């Protein structure tokens, strides 16, 4: 019916296309930086989930728990991985995760003393 060479030629192109698509996929990153970067902490991270095309977000607001000396953030990153993108595609956007990382900024130095 079909020769081995014709089957390899037929399915080899499809397999090669799938392998190229999978290997060339990558994640994407967004960074928000302070103009004078001076972090005091290492990266903390949390995965945030969005459901039903953004109608439901978990959590709705991300409260940074570790910046207690001051409320300043030095850097914020938004990352997605290939598996997160694949999950979003497979669920047609119903489930969409994103990883958020942040660093706290050093507290400002006081100039002069209190009189």
PDB file of N, CA and C in Angstrom:
ATOM      1  N   UNK A   1       0.830  -1.175   0.000  1.00  0.00           N
ATOM      2  CA  UNK A   1       0.000   0.000   0.000  1.00  0.00           C
ATOM      3  C   UNK A   1       0.884   1.251   0.000  1.00  0.00           C
ATOM      4  N   UNK A   2       1.434   1.630   1.141  1.00  0.00           N
ATOM      5  CA  UNK A   2       2.377   2.749   1.211  1.00  0.00           C
ATOM      6  C   UNK A   2       3.760   2.184   1.489  1.00  0.00           C
ATOM      7  N   UNK A   3       4.725   2.710   0.797  1.00  0.00           N
ATOM      8  CA  UNK A   3       6.085   2.255   1.061  1.00  0.00           C
ATOM      9  C   UNK A   3       6.619   2.962   2.301  1.00  0.00           C
ATOM     10  N   UNK A   4       7.643   2.387   2.868  1.00  0.00           N
ATOM     11  CA  UNK A   4       8.240   2.950   4.071  1.00  0.00           C
ATOM     12  C   UNK A   4       8.805   4.342   3.795  1.00  0.00           C
ATOM     13  N   UNK A   5       9.387   4.524   2.644  1.00  0.00           N
ATOM     14  CA  UNK A   5       9.966   5.826   2.279  1.00  0.00           C
ATOM     15  C   UNK A   5       8.889   6.891   2.139  1.00  0.00           C
ATOM     16  N   UNK A   6       7.740   6.547   1.578  1.00  0.00           N
ATOM     17  CA  UNK A   6       6.678   7.542   1.416  1.00  0.00           C
ATOM     18  C   UNK A   6       6.056   7.907   2.768  1.00  0.00           C
ATOM     19  N   UNK A   7       5.954   6.930   3.678  1.00  0.00           N
ATOM     20  CA  UNK A   7       5.443   7.228   5.014  1.00  0.00           C
ATOM     21  C   UNK A   7       6.392   8.147   5.775  1.00  0.00           C
ATOM     22  N   UNK A   8       7.685   7.868   5.663  1.00  0.00           N
ATOM     23  CA  UNK A   8       8.674   8.723   6.338  1.00  0.00           C
ATOM     24  C   UNK A   8       8.627  10.128   5.759  1.00  0.00           C
ATOM     25  N   UNK A   9       8.529  10.239   4.461  1.00  0.00           N
ATOM     26  CA  UNK A   9       8.468  11.561   3.825  1.00  0.00           C
ATOM     27  C   UNK A   9       7.192  12.291   4.229  1.00  0.00           C
ATOM     28  N   UNK A  10       6.103  11.551   4.305  1.00  0.00           N
ATOM     29  CA  UNK A  10       4.817  12.167   4.635  1.00  0.00           C
ATOM     30  C   UNK A  10       4.772  12.645   6.088  1.00  0.00           C
ATOM     31  N   UNK A  11       5.117  11.760   7.014  1.00  0.00           N
ATOM     32  CA  UNK A  11       5.036  12.104   8.426  1.00  0.00           C
ATOM     33  C   UNK A  11       6.299  12.789   8.939  1.00  0.00           C
ATOM     34  N   UNK A  12       7.387  12.656   8.215  1.00  0.00           N
ATOM     35  CA  UNK A  12       8.623  13.310   8.617  1.00  0.00           C
ATOM     36  C   UNK A  12       8.504  14.820   8.559  1.00  0.00           C
ATOM     37  N   UNK A  13       7.843  15.349   7.543  1.00  0.00           N
ATOM     38  CA  UNK A  13       7.662  16.794   7.425  1.00  0.00           C
ATOM     39  C   UNK A  13       6.780  17.320   8.551  1.00  0.00           C
ATOM     40  N   UNK A  14       5.719  16.603   8.863  1.00  0.00           N
ATOM     41  CA  UNK A  14       4.832  17.025   9.950  1.00  0.00           C
ATOM     42  C   UNK A  14       5.549  16.954  11.296  1.00  0.00           C
ATOM     43  N   UNK A  15       6.297  15.900  11.513  1.00  0.00           N
ATOM     44  CA  UNK A  15       7.038  15.755  12.759  1.00  0.00           C
ATOM     45  C   UNK A  15       8.096  16.842  12.881  1.00  0.00           C
ATOM     46  N   UNK A  16       8.806  17.120  11.799  1.00  0.00           N
ATOM     47  CA  UNK A  16       9.815  18.171  11.808  1.00  0.00           C
ATOM     48  C   UNK A  16       9.181  19.524  12.099  1.00  0.00           C
ATOM     49  N   UNK A  17       8.025  19.800  11.533  1.00  0.00           N
ATOM     50  CA  UNK A  17       7.332  21.061  11.787  1.00  0.00           C
ATOM     51  C   UNK A  17       6.954  21.184  13.259  1.00  0.00           C
ATOM     52  N   UNK A  18       6.424  20.128  13.840  1.00  0.00           N
ATOM     53  CA  UNK A  18       6.031  20.149  15.252  1.00  0.00           C
ATOM     54  C   UNK A  18       7.257  20.337  16.140  1.00  0.00           C
ATOM     55  N   UNK A  19       8.355  19.661  15.842  1.00  0.00           N
ATOM     56  CA  UNK A  19       9.577  19.790  16.631  1.00  0.00           C
ATOM     57  C   UNK A  19      10.109  21.220  16.548  1.00  0.00           C
ATOM     58  N   UNK A  20      10.107  21.819  15.367  1.00  0.00           N
ATOM     59  CA  UNK A  20      10.583  23.199  15.210  1.00  0.00           C
ATOM     60  C   UNK A  20       9.701  24.164  15.981  1.00  0.00           C
ATOM     61  N   UNK A  21       8.394  23.991  15.919  1.00  0.00           N
ATOM     62  CA  UNK A  21       7.480  24.879  16.655  1.00  0.00           C
ATOM     63  C   UNK A  21       7.714  24.769  18.150  1.00  0.00           C
ATOM     64  N   UNK A  22       7.863  23.566  18.664  1.00  0.00           N
ATOM     65  CA  UNK A  22       8.058  23.378  20.103  1.00  0.00           C
ATOM     66  C   UNK A  22       9.410  23.929  20.546  1.00  0.00           C
ATOM     67  N   UNK A  23      10.464  23.704  19.780  1.00  0.00           N
ATOM     68  CA  UNK A  23      11.796  24.137  20.181  1.00  0.00           C
ATOM     69  C   UNK A  23      12.001  25.642  20.045  1.00  0.00           C
ATOM     70  N   UNK A  24      11.248  26.293  19.187  1.00  0.00           N
ATOM     71  CA  UNK A  24      11.425  27.741  19.020  1.00  0.00           C
ATOM     72  C   UNK A  24      10.510  28.542  19.929  1.00  0.00           C
ATOM     73  N   UNK A  25       9.671  27.882  20.690  1.00  0.00           N
ATOM     74  CA  UNK A  25       8.824  28.590  21.644  1.00  0.00           C
ATOM     75  C   UNK A  25       9.672  29.050  22.813  1.00  0.00           C
ATOM     76  N   UNK A  26       9.322  30.178  23.363  1.00  0.00           N
ATOM     77  CA  UNK A  26      10.037  30.653  24.541  1.00  0.00           C
ATOM     78  C   UNK A  26       9.070  31.413  25.427  1.00  0.00           C
ATOM     79  N   UNK A  27       9.565  31.747  26.582  1.00  0.00           N
ATOM     80  CA  UNK A  27       8.748  32.519  27.490  1.00  0.00           C
ATOM     81  C   UNK A  27       8.978  34.003  27.229  1.00  0.00           C
ATOM     82  N   UNK A  28       8.175  34.830  27.844  1.00  0.00           N
ATOM     83  CA  UNK A  28       8.398  36.267  27.696  1.00  0.00           C
ATOM     84  C   UNK A  28       8.475  36.899  29.070  1.00  0.00           C
ATOM     85  N   UNK A  29       9.192  38.017  29.119  1.00  0.00           N
ATOM     86  CA  UNK A  29       9.465  38.701  30.378  1.00  0.00           C
ATOM     87  C   UNK A  29       9.171  40.184  30.210  1.00  0.00           C
ATOM     88  N   UNK A  30       8.582  40.768  31.230  1.00  0.00           N
ATOM     89  CA  UNK A  30       8.422  42.215  31.318  1.00  0.00           C
ATOM     90  C   UNK A  30       9.035  42.644  32.638  1.00  0.00           C
ATOM     91  N   UNK A  31       9.795  43.742  32.613  1.00  0.00           N
ATOM     92  CA  UNK A  31      10.419  44.254  33.841  1.00  0.00           C
ATOM     93  C   UNK A  31      10.011  45.696  34.051  1.00  0.00           C
ATOM     94  N   UNK A  32       9.713  46.025  35.293  1.00  0.00           N
ATOM     95  CA  UNK A  32       9.456  47.400  35.710  1.00  0.00           C
ATOM     96  C   UNK A  32      10.561  47.735  36.697  1.00  0.00           C
ATOM     97  N   UNK A  33      11.370  48.748  36.370  1.00  0.00           N
ATOM     98  CA  UNK A  33      12.529  49.087  37.181  1.00  0.00           C
ATOM     99  C   UNK A  33      12.396  50.473  37.768  1.00  0.00           C
ATOM    100  N   UNK A  34      13.012  50.650  38.918  1.00  0.00           N
ATOM    101  CA  UNK A  34      13.135  51.948  39.538  1.00  0.00           C
ATOM    102  C   UNK A  34      14.270  52.695  38.827  1.00  0.00           C
ATOM    103  N   UNK A  35      14.234  54.020  38.801  1.00  0.00           N
ATOM    104  CA  UNK A  35      15.283  54.762  38.098  1.00  0.00           C
ATOM    105  C   UNK A  35      16.631  54.633  38.786  1.00  0.00           C
ATOM    106  N   UNK A  36      16.637  54.454  40.101  1.00  0.00           N
ATOM    107  CA  UNK A  36      17.872  54.255  40.854  1.00  0.00           C
ATOM    108  C   UNK A  36      17.790  52.904  41.547  1.00  0.00           C
ATOM    109  N   UNK A  37      18.197  51.879  40.827  1.00  0.00           N
ATOM    110  CA  UNK A  37      18.072  50.518  41.337  1.00  0.00           C
ATOM    111  C   UNK A  37      19.035  50.283  42.497  1.00  0.00           C
ATOM    112  N   UNK A  38      18.491  49.922  43.646  1.00  0.00           N
ATOM    113  CA  UNK A  38      19.279  49.637  44.841  1.00  0.00           C
ATOM    114  C   UNK A  38      18.500  48.654  45.716  1.00  0.00           C
ATOM    115  N   UNK A  39      18.416  47.388  45.297  1.00  0.00           N
ATOM    116  CA  UNK A  39      17.570  46.435  46.023  1.00  0.00           C
ATOM    117  C   UNK A  39      18.187  45.987  47.343  1.00  0.00           C
ATOM    118  N   UNK A  40      17.315  45.627  48.280  1.00  0.00           N
ATOM    119  CA  UNK A  40      17.770  45.080  49.561  1.00  0.00           C
ATOM    120  C   UNK A  40      17.438  43.606  49.692  1.00  0.00           C
ATOM    121  N   UNK A  41      16.543  43.110  48.890  1.00  0.00           N
ATOM    122  CA  UNK A  41      16.113  41.715  49.015  1.00  0.00           C
ATOM    123  C   UNK A  41      16.371  40.973  47.719  1.00  0.00           C
ATOM    124  N   UNK A  42      16.355  39.651  47.822  1.00  0.00           N
ATOM    125  CA  UNK A  42      16.395  38.812  46.634  1.00  0.00           C
ATOM    126  C   UNK A  42      14.983  38.724  46.079  1.00  0.00           C
ATOM    127  N   UNK A  43      14.854  38.107  44.915  1.00  0.00           N
ATOM    128  CA  UNK A  43      13.536  37.984  44.301  1.00  0.00           C
ATOM    129  C   UNK A  43      12.603  37.133  45.153  1.00  0.00           C
ATOM    130  N   UNK A  44      11.412  37.625  45.344  1.00  0.00           N
ATOM    131  CA  UNK A  44      10.300  36.844  45.876  1.00  0.00           C
ATOM    132  C   UNK A  44       9.385  36.598  44.680  1.00  0.00           C
ATOM    133  N   UNK A  45       8.630  35.505  44.687  1.00  0.00           N
ATOM    134  CA  UNK A  45       7.770  35.255  43.527  1.00  0.00           C
ATOM    135  C   UNK A  45       6.445  34.648  43.934  1.00  0.00           C
ATOM    136  N   UNK A  46       5.479  34.840  43.057  1.00  0.00           N
ATOM    137  CA  UNK A  46       4.136  34.286  43.230  1.00  0.00           C
ATOM    138  C   UNK A  46       3.544  34.077  41.848  1.00  0.00           C
ATOM    139  N   UNK A  47       2.849  32.972  41.667  1.00  0.00           N
ATOM    140  CA  UNK A  47       2.146  32.714  40.411  1.00  0.00           C
ATOM    141  C   UNK A  47       0.714  33.203  40.574  1.00  0.00           C
ATOM    142  N   UNK A  48       0.306  34.074  39.669  1.00  0.00           N
ATOM    143  CA  UNK A  48      -1.056  34.611  39.693  1.00  0.00           C
ATOM    144  C   UNK A  48      -1.839  33.944  38.565  1.00  0.00           C
ATOM    145  N   UNK A  49      -3.103  33.660  38.828  1.00  0.00           N
ATOM    146  CA  UNK A  49      -3.942  32.941  37.880  1.00  0.00           C
ATOM    147  C   UNK A  49      -5.104  33.822  37.452  1.00  0.00           C
ATOM    148  N   UNK A  50      -5.365  33.825  36.180  1.00  0.00           N
ATOM    149  CA  UNK A  50      -6.511  34.536  35.630  1.00  0.00           C
ATOM    150  C   UNK A  50      -7.436  33.508  34.977  1.00  0.00           C
ATOM    151  N   UNK A  51      -8.714  33.601  35.284  1.00  0.00           N
ATOM    152  CA  UNK A  51      -9.693  32.650  34.763  1.00  0.00           C
ATOM    153  C   UNK A  51     -10.748  33.391  33.941  1.00  0.00           C
ATOM    154  N   UNK A  52     -11.334  32.693  33.018  1.00  0.00           N
ATOM    155  CA  UNK A  52     -12.436  33.208  32.188  1.00  0.00           C
ATOM    156  C   UNK A  52     -12.053  34.532  31.525  1.00  0.00           C
ATOM    157  N   UNK A  53     -10.907  34.528  30.854  1.00  0.00           N
ATOM    158  CA  UNK A  53     -10.428  35.663  30.050  1.00  0.00           C
ATOM    159  C   UNK A  53     -10.263  36.935  30.868  1.00  0.00           C
ATOM    160  N   UNK A  54      -9.851  36.785  32.134  1.00  0.00           N
ATOM    161  CA  UNK A  54      -9.585  37.932  32.984  1.00  0.00           C
ATOM    162  C   UNK A  54     -10.751  38.381  33.844  1.00  0.00           C
ATOM    163  N   UNK A  55     -11.881  37.692  33.761  1.00  0.00           N
ATOM    164  CA  UNK A  55     -13.025  38.074  34.591  1.00  0.00           C
ATOM    165  C   UNK A  55     -12.798  37.729  36.061  1.00  0.00           C
ATOM    166  N   UNK A  56     -12.027  36.654  36.304  1.00  0.00           N
ATOM    167  CA  UNK A  56     -11.728  36.228  37.669  1.00  0.00           C
ATOM    168  C   UNK A  56     -10.208  36.147  37.792  1.00  0.00           C
ATOM    169  N   UNK A  57      -9.643  36.881  38.736  1.00  0.00           N
ATOM    170  CA  UNK A  57      -8.202  36.855  38.968  1.00  0.00           C
ATOM    171  C   UNK A  57      -7.929  36.343  40.369  1.00  0.00           C
ATOM    172  N   UNK A  58      -6.909  35.488  40.488  1.00  0.00           N
ATOM    173  CA  UNK A  58      -6.564  34.931  41.783  1.00  0.00           C
ATOM    174  C   UNK A  58      -5.084  35.122  42.038  1.00  0.00           C
ATOM    175  N   UNK A  59      -4.642  35.982  42.905  1.00  0.00           N
ATOM    176  CA  UNK A  59      -5.424  36.933  43.684  1.00  0.00           C
ATOM    177  C   UNK A  59      -5.781  38.161  42.855  1.00  0.00           C
ATOM    178  N   UNK A  60      -6.790  38.879  43.291  1.00  0.00           N
ATOM    179  CA  UNK A  60      -7.208  40.093  42.583  1.00  0.00           C
ATOM    180  C   UNK A  60      -6.107  41.148  42.652  1.00  0.00           C
ATOM    181  N   UNK A  61      -5.555  41.345  43.844  1.00  0.00           N
ATOM    182  CA  UNK A  61      -4.453  42.286  44.058  1.00  0.00           C
ATOM    183  C   UNK A  61      -3.324  41.539  44.749  1.00  0.00           C
ATOM    184  N   UNK A  62      -2.109  41.780  44.308  1.00  0.00           N
ATOM    185  CA  UNK A  62      -0.945  41.159  44.933  1.00  0.00           C
ATOM    186  C   UNK A  62      -0.379  42.124  45.960  1.00  0.00           C
ATOM    187  N   UNK A  63      -0.443  41.749  47.223  1.00  0.00           N
ATOM    188  CA  UNK A  63       0.120  42.548  48.310  1.00  0.00           C
ATOM    189  C   UNK A  63       1.499  41.975  48.612  1.00  0.00           C
ATOM    190  N   UNK A  64       2.520  42.824  48.529  1.00  0.00           N
ATOM    191  CA  UNK A  64       3.891  42.391  48.750  1.00  0.00           C
ATOM    192  C   UNK A  64       4.141  42.303  50.253  1.00  0.00           C
ATOM    193  N   UNK A  65       4.386  41.108  50.787  1.00  0.00           N
ATOM    194  CA  UNK A  65       4.480  40.951  52.236  1.00  0.00           C
ATOM    195  C   UNK A  65       5.844  41.266  52.835  1.00  0.00           C
ATOM    196  N   UNK A  66       6.894  41.325  52.037  1.00  0.00           N
ATOM    197  CA  UNK A  66       8.232  41.401  52.619  1.00  0.00           C
ATOM    198  C   UNK A  66       8.875  42.789  52.578  1.00  0.00           C
ATOM    199  N   UNK A  67       8.234  43.808  52.074  1.00  0.00           N
ATOM    200  CA  UNK A  67       8.794  45.163  52.054  1.00  0.00           C
ATOM    201  C   UNK A  67       8.265  45.928  53.274  1.00  0.00           C
ATOM    202  N   UNK A  68       8.784  45.588  54.447  1.00  0.00           N
ATOM    203  CA  UNK A  68       8.238  46.159  55.670  1.00  0.00           C
ATOM    204  C   UNK A  68       8.941  47.439  56.105  1.00  0.00           C
ATOM    205  N   UNK A  69      10.233  47.603  55.747  1.00  0.00           N
ATOM    206  CA  UNK A  69      10.955  48.804  56.162  1.00  0.00           C
ATOM    207  C   UNK A  69      10.476  50.048  55.419  1.00  0.00           C
ATOM    208  N   UNK A  70      10.092  49.872  54.195  1.00  0.00           N
ATOM    209  CA  UNK A  70       9.476  50.940  53.409  1.00  0.00           C
ATOM    210  C   UNK A  70       8.547  50.275  52.400  1.00  0.00           C
ATOM    211  N   UNK A  71       7.759  51.044  51.744  1.00  0.00           N
ATOM    212  CA  UNK A  71       6.794  50.467  50.812  1.00  0.00           C
ATOM    213  C   UNK A  71       7.270  50.510  49.369  1.00  0.00           C
ATOM    214  N   UNK A  72       8.552  50.773  49.161  1.00  0.00           N
ATOM    215  CA  UNK A  72       9.065  50.938  47.801  1.00  0.00           C
ATOM    216  C   UNK A  72       9.472  49.602  47.191  1.00  0.00           C
ATOM    217  N   UNK A  73       9.132  49.423  45.933  1.00  0.00           N
ATOM    218  CA  UNK A  73       9.581  48.270  45.161  1.00  0.00           C
ATOM    219  C   UNK A  73      10.718  48.719  44.258  1.00  0.00           C
ATOM    220  N   UNK A  74      11.754  47.917  44.193  1.00  0.00           N
ATOM    221  CA  UNK A  74      12.896  48.249  43.352  1.00  0.00           C
ATOM    222  C   UNK A  74      12.713  47.708  41.941  1.00  0.00           C
ATOM    223  N   UNK A  75      12.174  46.504  41.838  1.00  0.00           N
ATOM    224  CA  UNK A  75      12.014  45.872  40.531  1.00  0.00           C
ATOM    225  C   UNK A  75      10.841  44.903  40.584  1.00  0.00           C
ATOM    226  N   UNK A  76      10.092  44.847  39.503  1.00  0.00           N
ATOM    227  CA  UNK A  76       8.989  43.893  39.354  1.00  0.00           C
ATOM    228  C   UNK A  76       9.147  43.226  38.002  1.00  0.00           C
ATOM    229  N   UNK A  77       9.022  41.904  37.961  1.00  0.00           N
ATOM    230  CA  UNK A  77       9.096  41.150  36.706  1.00  0.00           C
ATOM    231  C   UNK A  77       7.829  40.338  36.526  1.00  0.00           C
ATOM    232  N   UNK A  78       7.359  40.286  35.289  1.00  0.00           N
ATOM    233  CA  UNK A  78       6.242  39.426  34.902  1.00  0.00           C
ATOM    234  C   UNK A  78       6.790  38.427  33.905  1.00  0.00           C
ATOM    235  N   UNK A  79       6.658  37.137  34.212  1.00  0.00           N
ATOM    236  CA  UNK A  79       7.212  36.087  33.367  1.00  0.00           C
ATOM    237  C   UNK A  79       6.139  35.063  33.044  1.00  0.00           C
ATOM    238  N   UNK A  80       6.251  34.501  31.875  1.00  0.00           N
ATOM    239  CA  UNK A  80       5.443  33.336  31.549  1.00  0.00           C
ATOM    240  C   UNK A  80       6.364  32.296  30.940  1.00  0.00           C
ATOM    241  N   UNK A  81       6.023  31.062  31.130  1.00  0.00           N
ATOM    242  CA  UNK A  81       6.821  29.953  30.630  1.00  0.00           C
ATOM    243  C   UNK A  81       6.077  29.289  29.486  1.00  0.00           C
ATOM    244  N   UNK A  82       6.766  28.402  28.790  1.00  0.00           N
ATOM    245  CA  UNK A  82       6.141  27.679  27.688  1.00  0.00           C
ATOM    246  C   UNK A  82       4.932  26.888  28.174  1.00  0.00           C
ATOM    247  N   UNK A  83       5.054  26.259  29.342  1.00  0.00           N
ATOM    248  CA  UNK A  83       3.935  25.455  29.852  1.00  0.00           C
ATOM    249  C   UNK A  83       2.737  26.335  30.199  1.00  0.00           C
ATOM    250  N   UNK A  84       2.993  27.562  30.705  1.00  0.00           N
ATOM    251  CA  UNK A  84       1.890  28.485  30.992  1.00  0.00           C
ATOM    252  C   UNK A  84       1.187  28.883  29.692  1.00  0.00           C
ATOM    253  N   UNK A  85       1.976  29.169  28.666  1.00  0.00           N
ATOM    254  CA  UNK A  85       1.384  29.538  27.373  1.00  0.00           C
ATOM    255  C   UNK A  85       0.606  28.374  26.782  1.00  0.00           C
ATOM    256  N   UNK A  86       1.154  27.181  26.889  1.00  0.00           N
ATOM    257  CA  UNK A  86       0.470  25.999  26.375  1.00  0.00           C
ATOM    258  C   UNK A  86      -0.854  25.778  27.100  1.00  0.00           C
ATOM    259  N   UNK A  87      -0.866  25.950  28.420  1.00  0.00           N
ATOM    260  CA  UNK A  87      -2.101  25.821  29.192  1.00  0.00           C
ATOM    261  C   UNK A  87      -3.137  26.843  28.736  1.00  0.00           C
ATOM    262  N   UNK A  88      -2.698  28.069  28.495  1.00  0.00           N
ATOM    263  CA  UNK A  88      -3.611  29.114  28.036  1.00  0.00           C
ATOM    264  C   UNK A  88      -4.182  28.772  26.663  1.00  0.00           C
ATOM    265  N   UNK A  89      -3.348  28.237  25.771  1.00  0.00           N
ATOM    266  CA  UNK A  89      -3.814  27.879  24.423  1.00  0.00           C
ATOM    267  C   UNK A  89      -4.773  26.704  24.479  1.00  0.00           C
ATOM    268  N   UNK A  90      -4.417  25.668  25.248  1.00  0.00           N
ATOM    269  CA  UNK A  90      -5.254  24.459  25.321  1.00  0.00           C
ATOM    270  C   UNK A  90      -6.623  24.776  25.906  1.00  0.00           C
ATOM    271  N   UNK A  91      -6.675  25.687  26.885  1.00  0.00           N
ATOM    272  CA  UNK A  91      -7.959  26.033  27.518  1.00  0.00           C
ATOM    273  C   UNK A  91      -8.648  27.209  26.824  1.00  0.00           C
ATOM    274  N   UNK A  92      -8.119  27.624  25.675  1.00  0.00           N
ATOM    275  CA  UNK A  92      -8.678  28.742  24.903  1.00  0.00           C
ATOM    276  C   UNK A  92      -8.790  30.026  25.735  1.00  0.00           C
ATOM    277  N   UNK A  93      -7.827  30.227  26.610  1.00  0.00           N
ATOM    278  CA  UNK A  93      -7.779  31.447  27.402  1.00  0.00           C
ATOM    279  C   UNK A  93      -8.568  31.397  28.695  1.00  0.00           C
ATOM    280  N   UNK A  94      -9.214  30.290  28.979  1.00  0.00           N
ATOM    281  CA  UNK A  94     -10.007  30.193  30.204  1.00  0.00           C
ATOM    282  C   UNK A  94      -9.089  30.207  31.427  1.00  0.00           C
ATOM    283  N   UNK A  95      -7.906  29.608  31.331  1.00  0.00           N
ATOM    284  CA  UNK A  95      -6.925  29.599  32.409  1.00  0.00           C
ATOM    285  C   UNK A  95      -5.642  30.225  31.872  1.00  0.00           C
ATOM    286  N   UNK A  96      -5.135  31.237  32.594  1.00  0.00           N
ATOM    287  CA  UNK A  96      -3.931  31.923  32.136  1.00  0.00           C
ATOM    288  C   UNK A  96      -3.065  32.324  33.332  1.00  0.00           C
ATOM    289  N   UNK A  97      -1.993  31.567  33.607  1.00  0.00           N
ATOM    290  CA  UNK A  97      -1.118  31.916  34.728  1.00  0.00           C
ATOM    291  C   UNK A  97       0.012  32.852  34.295  1.00  0.00           C
ATOM    292  N   UNK A  98       0.527  33.613  35.247  1.00  0.00           N
ATOM    293  CA  UNK A  98       1.703  34.455  35.042  1.00  0.00           C
ATOM    294  C   UNK A  98       2.478  34.483  36.355  1.00  0.00           C
ATOM    295  N   UNK A  99       3.806  34.460  36.256  1.00  0.00           N
ATOM    296  CA  UNK A  99       4.654  34.507  37.440  1.00  0.00           C
ATOM    297  C   UNK A  99       5.099  35.948  37.669  1.00  0.00           C
ATOM    298  N   UNK A 100       4.953  36.423  38.892  1.00  0.00           N
ATOM    299  CA  UNK A 100       5.357  37.779  39.262  1.00  0.00           C
ATOM    300  C   UNK A 100       6.505  37.671  40.252  1.00  0.00           C
ATOM    301  N   UNK A 101       7.608  38.394  39.985  1.00  0.00           N
ATOM    302  CA  UNK A 101       8.759  38.448  40.889  1.00  0.00           C
ATOM    303  C   UNK A 101       8.997  39.901  41.259  1.00  0.00           C
ATOM    304  N   UNK A 102       9.494  40.130  42.485  1.00  0.00           N
ATOM    305  CA  UNK A 102       9.765  41.499  42.899  1.00  0.00           C
ATOM    306  C   UNK A 102      10.940  41.540  43.871  1.00  0.00           C
ATOM    307  N   UNK A 103      11.554  42.727  43.941  1.00  0.00           N
ATOM    308  CA  UNK A 103      12.601  43.032  44.922  1.00  0.00           C
ATOM    309  C   UNK A 103      12.207  44.325  45.625  1.00  0.00           C
ATOM    310  N   UNK A 104      12.521  44.417  46.903  1.00  0.00           N
ATOM    311  CA  UNK A 104      12.247  45.636  47.669  1.00  0.00           C
ATOM    312  C   UNK A 104      13.402  46.616  47.518  1.00  0.00           C
ATOM    313  N   UNK A 105      13.095  47.897  47.634  1.00  0.00           N
ATOM    314  CA  UNK A 105      14.093  48.963  47.530  1.00  0.00           C
ATOM    315  C   UNK A 105      14.640  49.275  48.918  1.00  0.00           C
ATOM    316  N   UNK A 106      15.906  49.731  48.969  1.00  0.00           N
ATOM    317  CA  UNK A 106      16.495  50.125  50.252  1.00  0.00           C
ATOM    318  C   UNK A 106      15.763  51.337  50.808  1.00  0.00           C
ATOM    319  N   UNK A 107      15.603  51.394  52.118  1.00  0.00           N
ATOM    320  CA  UNK A 107      14.983  52.585  52.701  1.00  0.00           C
ATOM    321  C   UNK A 107      15.890  53.803  52.488  1.00  0.00           C
ATOM    322  N   UNK A 108      15.297  54.994  52.355  1.00  0.00           N
ATOM    323  CA  UNK A 108      16.114  56.184  52.122  1.00  0.00           C
ATOM    324  C   UNK A 108      16.954  56.519  53.354  1.00  0.00           C
ATOM    325  N   UNK A 109      18.135  57.073  53.101  1.00  0.00           N
ATOM    326  CA  UNK A 109      19.024  57.505  54.181  1.00  0.00           C
ATOM    327  C   UNK A 109      18.536  58.850  54.708  1.00  0.00           C
ATOM    328  N   UNK A 110      18.475  58.971  55.992  1.00  0.00           N
ATOM    329  CA  UNK A 110      18.064  60.242  56.594  1.00  0.00           C
ATOM    330  C   UNK A 110      19.249  61.215  56.556  1.00  0.00           C
ATOM    331  N   UNK A 111      18.972  62.430  56.130  1.00  0.00           N
ATOM    332  CA  UNK A 111      19.995  63.462  56.086  1.00  0.00           C
ATOM    333  C   UNK A 111      19.772  64.391  57.260  1.00  0.00           C
ATOM    334  N   UNK A 112      20.807  64.581  58.074  1.00  0.00           N
ATOM    335  CA  UNK A 112      20.657  65.451  59.240  1.00  0.00           C
ATOM    336  C   UNK A 112      19.919  64.738  60.354  1.00  0.00           C
ATOM    337  N   UNK A 113      19.851  65.355  61.486  1.00  0.00           N
ATOM    338  CA  UNK A 113      19.164  64.772  62.618  1.00  0.00           C
ATOM    339  C   UNK A 113      17.938  65.548  62.975  1.00  0.00           C
ATOM    340  N   UNK A 114      17.164  65.001  63.867  1.00  0.00           N
ATOM    341  CA  UNK A 114      15.972  65.704  64.328  1.00  0.00           C
ATOM    342  C   UNK A 114      16.375  66.712  65.412  1.00  0.00           C
ATOM    343  N   UNK A 115      15.848  67.892  65.352  1.00  0.00           N
ATOM    344  CA  UNK A 115      16.196  68.922  66.329  1.00  0.00           C
ATOM    345  C   UNK A 115      14.995  69.323  67.107  1.00  0.00           C
TER     346      UNK A 115
END
